[in-house]
Amino acid sequence: MKAYRIPSFLLVLQAALLWGATSASGQSIGVGAGLAMANDKIAQVTADLASRGWSAAAENAGNGYYVELRGRFGGQLALIGSVGYSSFGRTHSQYFDGSSRSVDLVTSQTIIPVTIGADMRLSEGFLVPYLTLEASYNHYYRAFERSVGDLSVPFDIQSEGDARFGAAVGAGLALDLKIAELDIGGRLHLPNLINAEPSESEVYYLQLGATLYVRL
């Protein structure tokens, strides 16, 4: 079994969470949605195909969307958590093996992140800038399909899901609407930051969107 060291930023985050939880002055729950854009490494081959000698010749990832449920507990420094769903568009990628065989496949990816972290509001008023830092547990699912009419695929196509630990950093502006709050901003997700396989490339994706919070 592999042993993973806890990155120092997670220890700092834990201390911030404990401080924010003990100083909580409000609770709110929100629904967010927006655009999701990933690097092409999200279309890399699964661990099963990599173990059989297959590699990517031309990886491509399409833009997609995300939706999520978020909670915020605290004042200027708050505890935050979320459960989301990110889907990336179907694209064509090319793969090859050590025998010079190659194949074009249609790939699609879905990531389900569960996060916990800290939200820091940098001022007070109607328009407030904020920063976020979150640790994440991610389940991402990769599907490979034959192109239309392509019967030359030399291996069984199997979809595969993987669980990875990562982090997310974000920034934006919060609009105080009295009974509600609208957060507009972006977050950079690094879903396989901690426990990627040795042959696995780093995956990241950017979320741009908005979250509408209702105060409880």
Protein backbone atom coordinates (compact mmCIF):
# COMPACT_ATOMS: atom_id res chain seq x y z
CA MET A 1 0.00 0.00 0.00
CA LYS A 2 1.31 3.44 -0.90
CA ALA A 3 1.92 5.99 1.83
CA TYR A 4 1.24 9.65 1.04
CA ARG A 5 2.55 12.60 3.01
CA ILE A 6 0.07 15.28 3.93
CA PRO A 7 1.12 18.49 2.11
CA SER A 8 1.90 21.43 4.36
CA PHE A 9 -0.85 23.55 2.80
CA LEU A 10 -3.43 21.05 4.12
CA LEU A 11 -2.11 21.52 7.67
CA VAL A 12 -2.47 25.30 7.30
CA LEU A 13 -5.96 24.79 5.89
CA GLN A 14 -6.92 22.60 8.86
CA ALA A 15 -5.89 25.31 11.31
CA ALA A 16 -7.89 27.90 9.36
CA LEU A 17 -10.95 25.65 9.36
CA LEU A 18 -10.83 25.15 13.12
CA TRP A 19 -10.51 28.90 13.69
CA GLY A 20 -13.30 29.68 11.25
CA ALA A 21 -15.64 27.07 12.72
CA THR A 22 -15.23 28.37 16.28
CA SER A 23 -15.85 31.98 15.16
CA ALA A 24 -18.83 31.23 12.91
CA SER A 25 -21.46 33.98 12.89
CA GLY A 26 -23.72 32.88 10.04
CA GLN A 27 -24.72 30.03 7.81
CA SER A 28 -25.79 29.97 4.18
CA ILE A 29 -26.36 27.40 1.47
CA GLY A 30 -26.01 27.99 -2.24
CA VAL A 31 -26.30 26.55 -5.71
CA GLY A 32 -23.60 27.26 -8.29
CA ALA A 33 -23.15 26.67 -12.00
CA GLY A 34 -20.94 27.77 -14.86
CA LEU A 35 -18.31 26.89 -17.43
CA ALA A 36 -15.67 24.16 -16.86
CA MET A 37 -12.47 24.09 -18.93
CA ALA A 38 -9.88 21.31 -18.54
CA ASN A 39 -6.37 20.73 -19.81
CA ASP A 40 -5.98 18.02 -22.46
CA LYS A 41 -4.44 15.58 -19.96
CA ILE A 42 -7.92 14.84 -18.70
CA ALA A 43 -8.24 12.62 -21.81
CA GLN A 44 -5.18 10.49 -20.96
CA VAL A 45 -5.47 6.73 -21.13
CA THR A 46 -6.69 4.81 -18.12
CA ALA A 47 -4.27 2.92 -15.87
CA ASP A 48 -5.48 -0.34 -17.46
CA LEU A 49 -4.59 0.75 -21.00
CA ALA A 50 -1.31 2.29 -19.84
CA SER A 51 -0.31 -1.04 -18.26
CA ARG A 52 -0.80 -2.67 -21.68
CA GLY A 53 1.55 -0.22 -23.39
CA TRP A 54 -0.92 2.30 -24.79
CA SER A 55 -0.12 6.02 -24.75
CA ALA A 56 -1.73 9.17 -26.05
CA ALA A 57 -0.56 10.63 -29.36
CA ALA A 58 -3.02 13.53 -29.45
CA GLU A 59 -5.11 14.23 -26.38
CA ASN A 60 -8.02 16.65 -26.60
CA ALA A 61 -10.54 17.87 -24.05
CA GLY A 62 -13.71 19.80 -24.72
CA ASN A 63 -15.17 22.57 -22.61
CA GLY A 64 -18.05 21.63 -20.38
CA TYR A 65 -20.13 22.78 -17.45
CA TYR A 66 -20.40 22.32 -13.71
CA VAL A 67 -23.16 22.46 -11.11
CA GLU A 68 -22.67 22.27 -7.36
CA LEU A 69 -24.22 22.61 -3.95
CA ARG A 70 -22.18 24.74 -1.54
CA GLY A 71 -22.38 25.65 2.12
CA ARG A 72 -20.73 28.52 4.01
CA PHE A 73 -20.47 28.73 7.80
CA GLY A 74 -18.86 31.76 9.39
CA GLY A 75 -18.13 35.42 9.04
CA GLN A 76 -15.09 37.05 7.44
CA LEU A 77 -13.23 33.73 7.66
CA ALA A 78 -15.63 30.88 7.04
CA LEU A 79 -15.75 27.13 6.67
CA ILE A 80 -16.98 26.08 3.22
CA GLY A 81 -17.87 22.76 1.65
CA SER A 82 -19.32 21.56 -1.63
CA VAL A 83 -20.49 18.61 -3.69
CA GLY A 84 -20.30 19.14 -7.44
CA TYR A 85 -20.64 17.60 -10.88
CA SER A 86 -18.36 18.64 -13.77
CA SER A 87 -18.92 17.28 -17.28
CA PHE A 88 -16.55 17.82 -20.20
CA GLY A 89 -17.56 17.63 -23.85
CA ARG A 90 -16.98 14.63 -26.13
CA THR A 91 -13.83 14.97 -28.24
CA HIS A 92 -11.64 12.84 -30.50
CA SER A 93 -8.22 11.72 -29.25
CA GLN A 94 -5.59 9.42 -30.76
CA TYR A 95 -3.73 6.64 -28.96
CA PHE A 96 -0.88 4.30 -29.95
CA ASP A 97 1.13 1.36 -28.61
CA GLY A 98 4.69 0.04 -28.89
CA SER A 99 3.81 -1.87 -32.07
CA SER A 100 2.94 1.34 -33.95
CA ARG A 101 -0.76 0.57 -33.85
CA SER A 102 -2.94 3.63 -33.43
CA VAL A 103 -6.63 4.31 -32.96
CA ASP A 104 -8.92 7.32 -32.80
CA LEU A 105 -11.45 7.26 -29.97
CA VAL A 106 -14.22 9.54 -28.80
CA THR A 107 -13.58 10.37 -25.15
CA SER A 108 -15.67 12.02 -22.47
CA GLN A 109 -14.93 12.83 -18.85
CA THR A 110 -16.92 13.50 -15.70
CA ILE A 111 -15.54 14.63 -12.34
CA ILE A 112 -17.47 14.60 -9.06
CA PRO A 113 -15.58 16.69 -6.48
CA VAL A 114 -16.32 16.83 -2.75
CA THR A 115 -14.48 19.71 -1.09
CA ILE A 116 -13.91 21.30 2.30
CA GLY A 117 -11.98 24.48 2.89
CA ALA A 118 -11.83 28.10 3.96
CA ASP A 119 -13.34 31.29 2.52
CA MET A 120 -11.75 34.64 3.36
CA ARG A 121 -13.67 37.88 2.76
CA LEU A 122 -11.21 40.74 2.25
CA SER A 123 -13.50 43.66 3.12
CA GLU A 124 -17.07 44.57 4.03
CA GLY A 125 -19.84 46.22 2.02
CA PHE A 126 -22.02 45.59 -1.01
CA LEU A 127 -19.17 44.34 -3.23
CA VAL A 128 -16.63 42.18 -1.40
CA PRO A 129 -13.59 40.41 -2.89
CA TYR A 130 -12.88 36.92 -1.55
CA LEU A 131 -10.33 34.10 -1.69
CA THR A 132 -10.92 30.36 -1.19
CA LEU A 133 -8.69 27.37 -0.53
CA GLU A 134 -10.15 23.85 -0.51
CA ALA A 135 -9.00 20.27 -0.17
CA SER A 136 -10.89 17.88 -2.45
CA TYR A 137 -11.81 14.24 -2.95
CA ASN A 138 -12.51 13.60 -6.63
CA HIS A 139 -14.08 10.71 -8.45
CA TYR A 140 -13.45 11.07 -12.16
CA TYR A 141 -14.85 8.84 -14.84
CA ARG A 142 -13.37 8.44 -18.33
CA ALA A 143 -15.27 6.85 -21.20
CA PHE A 144 -13.77 5.67 -24.51
CA GLU A 145 -15.96 4.97 -27.55
CA ARG A 146 -15.22 3.95 -31.12
CA SER A 147 -15.56 6.60 -33.78
CA VAL A 148 -18.52 5.98 -36.11
CA GLY A 149 -17.67 3.17 -38.52
CA ASP A 150 -14.28 2.42 -36.93
CA LEU A 151 -13.97 -1.35 -36.36
CA SER A 152 -10.17 -1.42 -36.06
CA VAL A 153 -9.87 -0.86 -32.31
CA PRO A 154 -7.38 -3.57 -31.20
CA PHE A 155 -8.47 -3.71 -27.54
CA ASP A 156 -11.63 -3.92 -25.49
CA ILE A 157 -12.84 -0.42 -24.70
CA GLN A 158 -13.53 -0.07 -21.02
CA SER A 159 -14.71 2.98 -19.15
CA GLU A 160 -12.88 3.53 -15.89
CA GLY A 161 -13.39 5.52 -12.73
CA ASP A 162 -10.61 6.72 -10.44
CA ALA A 163 -10.56 8.33 -7.00
CA ARG A 164 -8.00 11.07 -6.40
CA PHE A 165 -7.21 13.69 -3.76
CA GLY A 166 -6.44 17.26 -4.72
CA ALA A 167 -7.02 20.92 -4.02
CA ALA A 168 -8.76 23.98 -5.42
CA VAL A 169 -7.98 27.69 -5.17
CA GLY A 170 -10.42 30.43 -6.08
CA ALA A 171 -11.13 34.15 -6.10
CA GLY A 172 -14.04 36.39 -6.95
CA LEU A 173 -16.51 39.04 -5.86
CA ALA A 174 -19.48 38.64 -3.50
CA LEU A 175 -22.55 40.85 -3.93
CA ASP A 176 -24.50 41.37 -0.70
CA LEU A 177 -28.23 41.22 -1.55
CA LYS A 178 -29.33 41.33 2.13
CA ILE A 179 -31.36 38.10 2.27
CA ALA A 180 -29.08 36.44 -0.27
CA GLU A 181 -25.58 36.72 -1.68
CA LEU A 182 -24.30 36.25 -5.22
CA ASP A 183 -20.69 35.12 -5.61
CA ILE A 184 -19.08 35.53 -9.02
CA GLY A 185 -15.61 34.14 -9.65
CA GLY A 186 -13.39 31.29 -10.67
CA ARG A 187 -11.63 28.28 -9.16
CA LEU A 188 -8.68 26.25 -10.34
CA HIS A 189 -9.07 22.56 -9.49
CA LEU A 190 -6.11 20.17 -9.25
CA PRO A 191 -8.00 16.88 -8.81
CA ASN A 192 -5.06 14.43 -8.84
CA LEU A 193 -2.53 16.54 -6.97
CA ILE A 194 -1.73 14.01 -4.24
CA ASN A 195 -2.19 10.38 -5.25
CA ALA A 196 -1.76 10.18 -9.02
CA GLU A 197 -0.33 6.99 -10.49
CA PRO A 198 3.38 7.18 -11.52
CA SER A 199 2.43 7.19 -15.22
CA GLU A 200 -0.38 9.71 -14.77
CA SER A 201 -0.07 13.31 -15.91
CA GLU A 202 -1.33 16.20 -13.81
CA VAL A 203 -4.92 17.15 -14.52
CA TYR A 204 -6.39 20.57 -13.88
CA TYR A 205 -9.52 22.43 -14.83
CA LEU A 206 -10.89 25.96 -14.41
CA GLN A 207 -14.40 26.78 -13.27
CA LEU A 208 -15.91 30.17 -14.12
CA GLY A 209 -19.38 30.84 -12.80
CA ALA A 210 -21.62 32.08 -10.01
CA THR A 211 -23.13 30.80 -6.76
CA LEU A 212 -26.35 32.12 -5.25
CA TYR A 213 -26.33 31.76 -1.44
CA VAL A 214 -29.43 31.99 0.75
CA ARG A 215 -28.83 32.87 4.41
CA LEU A 216 -30.31 30.45 6.94
